[in-house]
Amino acid sequence: MKTDTIKDAIKFAASPRGSYIIGQALYIAATELNKVPNPHKETSNIADMHYLMDNLYPLFKAIKTLEKGK
């Protein structure tokens, strides 16, 4: 990868739009992975996704939580 491309991607990921998109991807992935039956469910991956959502990319999860409360 080109250095400029990596820098642009990091800048985008740190932007509000990038944070929203990453949060959305994590939320959907964790939701879908939760549907996998045991013993194949990857619980540590799901937990890590929630950790990232809660600490770095909370916007999408917060919006979904508010929507569920309506």
C-alpha atoms as a PDB file:
ATOM      1  CA  MET A   1       0.000   0.000   0.000  1.00  0.00           C
ATOM      2  CA  LYS A   2       1.031   3.533  -0.607  1.00  0.00           C
ATOM      3  CA  THR A   3       1.898   5.611   2.450  1.00  0.00           C
ATOM      4  CA  ASP A   4      -0.517   8.353   1.370  1.00  0.00           C
ATOM      5  CA  THR A   5      -3.338   5.837   1.066  1.00  0.00           C
ATOM      6  CA  ILE A   6      -2.667   4.507   4.559  1.00  0.00           C
ATOM      7  CA  LYS A   7      -2.557   8.041   5.982  1.00  0.00           C
ATOM      8  CA  ASP A   8      -5.837   8.904   4.258  1.00  0.00           C
ATOM      9  CA  ALA A   9      -7.476   5.719   5.561  1.00  0.00           C
ATOM     10  CA  ILE A  10      -6.325   6.440   9.132  1.00  0.00           C
ATOM     11  CA  LYS A  11      -7.623  10.008   8.833  1.00  0.00           C
ATOM     12  CA  PHE A  12     -10.965   8.718   7.563  1.00  0.00           C
ATOM     13  CA  ALA A  13     -11.206   6.085  10.322  1.00  0.00           C
ATOM     14  CA  ALA A  14     -10.708   8.838  12.905  1.00  0.00           C
ATOM     15  CA  SER A  15     -13.395  11.051  11.364  1.00  0.00           C
ATOM     16  CA  PRO A  16     -17.025  10.986  12.558  1.00  0.00           C
ATOM     17  CA  ARG A  17     -18.092   9.227   9.338  1.00  0.00           C
ATOM     18  CA  GLY A  18     -15.312   6.662   9.576  1.00  0.00           C
ATOM     19  CA  SER A  19     -16.103   5.996  13.235  1.00  0.00           C
ATOM     20  CA  TYR A  20     -19.756   5.484  12.334  1.00  0.00           C
ATOM     21  CA  ILE A  21     -18.931   3.040   9.514  1.00  0.00           C
ATOM     22  CA  ILE A  22     -16.504   1.031  11.650  1.00  0.00           C
ATOM     23  CA  GLY A  23     -19.009   0.970  14.519  1.00  0.00           C
ATOM     24  CA  GLN A  24     -21.720  -0.216  12.143  1.00  0.00           C
ATOM     25  CA  ALA A  25     -19.510  -3.014  10.823  1.00  0.00           C
ATOM     26  CA  LEU A  26     -18.605  -4.119  14.342  1.00  0.00           C
ATOM     27  CA  TYR A  27     -22.247  -4.009  15.487  1.00  0.00           C
ATOM     28  CA  ILE A  28     -23.500  -6.069  12.547  1.00  0.00           C
ATOM     29  CA  ALA A  29     -20.626  -8.545  12.782  1.00  0.00           C
ATOM     30  CA  ALA A  30     -21.102  -9.065  16.530  1.00  0.00           C
ATOM     31  CA  THR A  31     -24.867  -9.464  16.077  1.00  0.00           C
ATOM     32  CA  GLU A  32     -24.431 -12.067  13.353  1.00  0.00           C
ATOM     33  CA  LEU A  33     -21.650 -13.937  15.151  1.00  0.00           C
ATOM     34  CA  ASN A  34     -23.904 -14.169  18.208  1.00  0.00           C
ATOM     35  CA  LYS A  35     -26.299 -16.276  16.106  1.00  0.00           C
ATOM     36  CA  VAL A  36     -23.705 -19.017  15.627  1.00  0.00           C
ATOM     37  CA  PRO A  37     -24.511 -21.976  17.866  1.00  0.00           C
ATOM     38  CA  ASN A  38     -22.100 -23.256  20.477  1.00  0.00           C
ATOM     39  CA  PRO A  39     -19.479 -24.704  20.379  1.00  0.00           C
ATOM     40  CA  HIS A  40     -18.675 -22.790  17.183  1.00  0.00           C
ATOM     41  CA  LYS A  41     -19.533 -19.332  18.534  1.00  0.00           C
ATOM     42  CA  GLU A  42     -16.412 -17.164  18.718  1.00  0.00           C
ATOM     43  CA  THR A  43     -17.189 -15.539  22.060  1.00  0.00           C
ATOM     44  CA  SER A  44     -13.793 -13.897  22.497  1.00  0.00           C
ATOM     45  CA  ASN A  45     -14.073 -12.234  19.076  1.00  0.00           C
ATOM     46  CA  ILE A  46     -17.571 -11.005  19.907  1.00  0.00           C
ATOM     47  CA  ALA A  47     -16.326  -9.657  23.240  1.00  0.00           C
ATOM     48  CA  ASP A  48     -13.452  -7.869  21.494  1.00  0.00           C
ATOM     49  CA  MET A  49     -15.879  -6.316  19.014  1.00  0.00           C
ATOM     50  CA  HIS A  50     -18.015  -5.024  21.886  1.00  0.00           C
ATOM     51  CA  TYR A  51     -14.899  -3.657  23.568  1.00  0.00           C
ATOM     52  CA  LEU A  52     -13.994  -1.709  20.423  1.00  0.00           C
ATOM     53  CA  MET A  53     -17.580  -0.485  20.018  1.00  0.00           C
ATOM     54  CA  ASP A  54     -17.805   0.641  23.617  1.00  0.00           C
ATOM     55  CA  ASN A  55     -14.420   2.346  23.751  1.00  0.00           C
ATOM     56  CA  LEU A  56     -13.527   3.585  20.255  1.00  0.00           C
ATOM     57  CA  TYR A  57     -16.572   3.405  17.979  1.00  0.00           C
ATOM     58  CA  PRO A  58     -19.696   3.941  20.115  1.00  0.00           C
ATOM     59  CA  LEU A  59     -21.810   6.063  17.741  1.00  0.00           C
ATOM     60  CA  PHE A  60     -23.638   3.355  15.764  1.00  0.00           C
ATOM     61  CA  LYS A  61     -24.371   1.240  18.854  1.00  0.00           C
ATOM     62  CA  ALA A  62     -25.695   4.323  20.673  1.00  0.00           C
ATOM     63  CA  ILE A  63     -28.034   5.125  17.775  1.00  0.00           C
ATOM     64  CA  LYS A  64     -29.280   1.524  17.616  1.00  0.00           C
ATOM     65  CA  THR A  65     -29.849   1.526  21.388  1.00  0.00           C
ATOM     66  CA  LEU A  66     -31.888   4.730  21.129  1.00  0.00           C
ATOM     67  CA  GLU A  67     -33.913   3.300  18.229  1.00  0.00           C
ATOM     68  CA  LYS A  68     -34.750   0.199  20.240  1.00  0.00           C
ATOM     69  CA  GLY A  69     -35.991   2.409  23.098  1.00  0.00           C
ATOM     70  CA  LYS A  70     -38.611   4.093  20.893  1.00  0.00           C
END
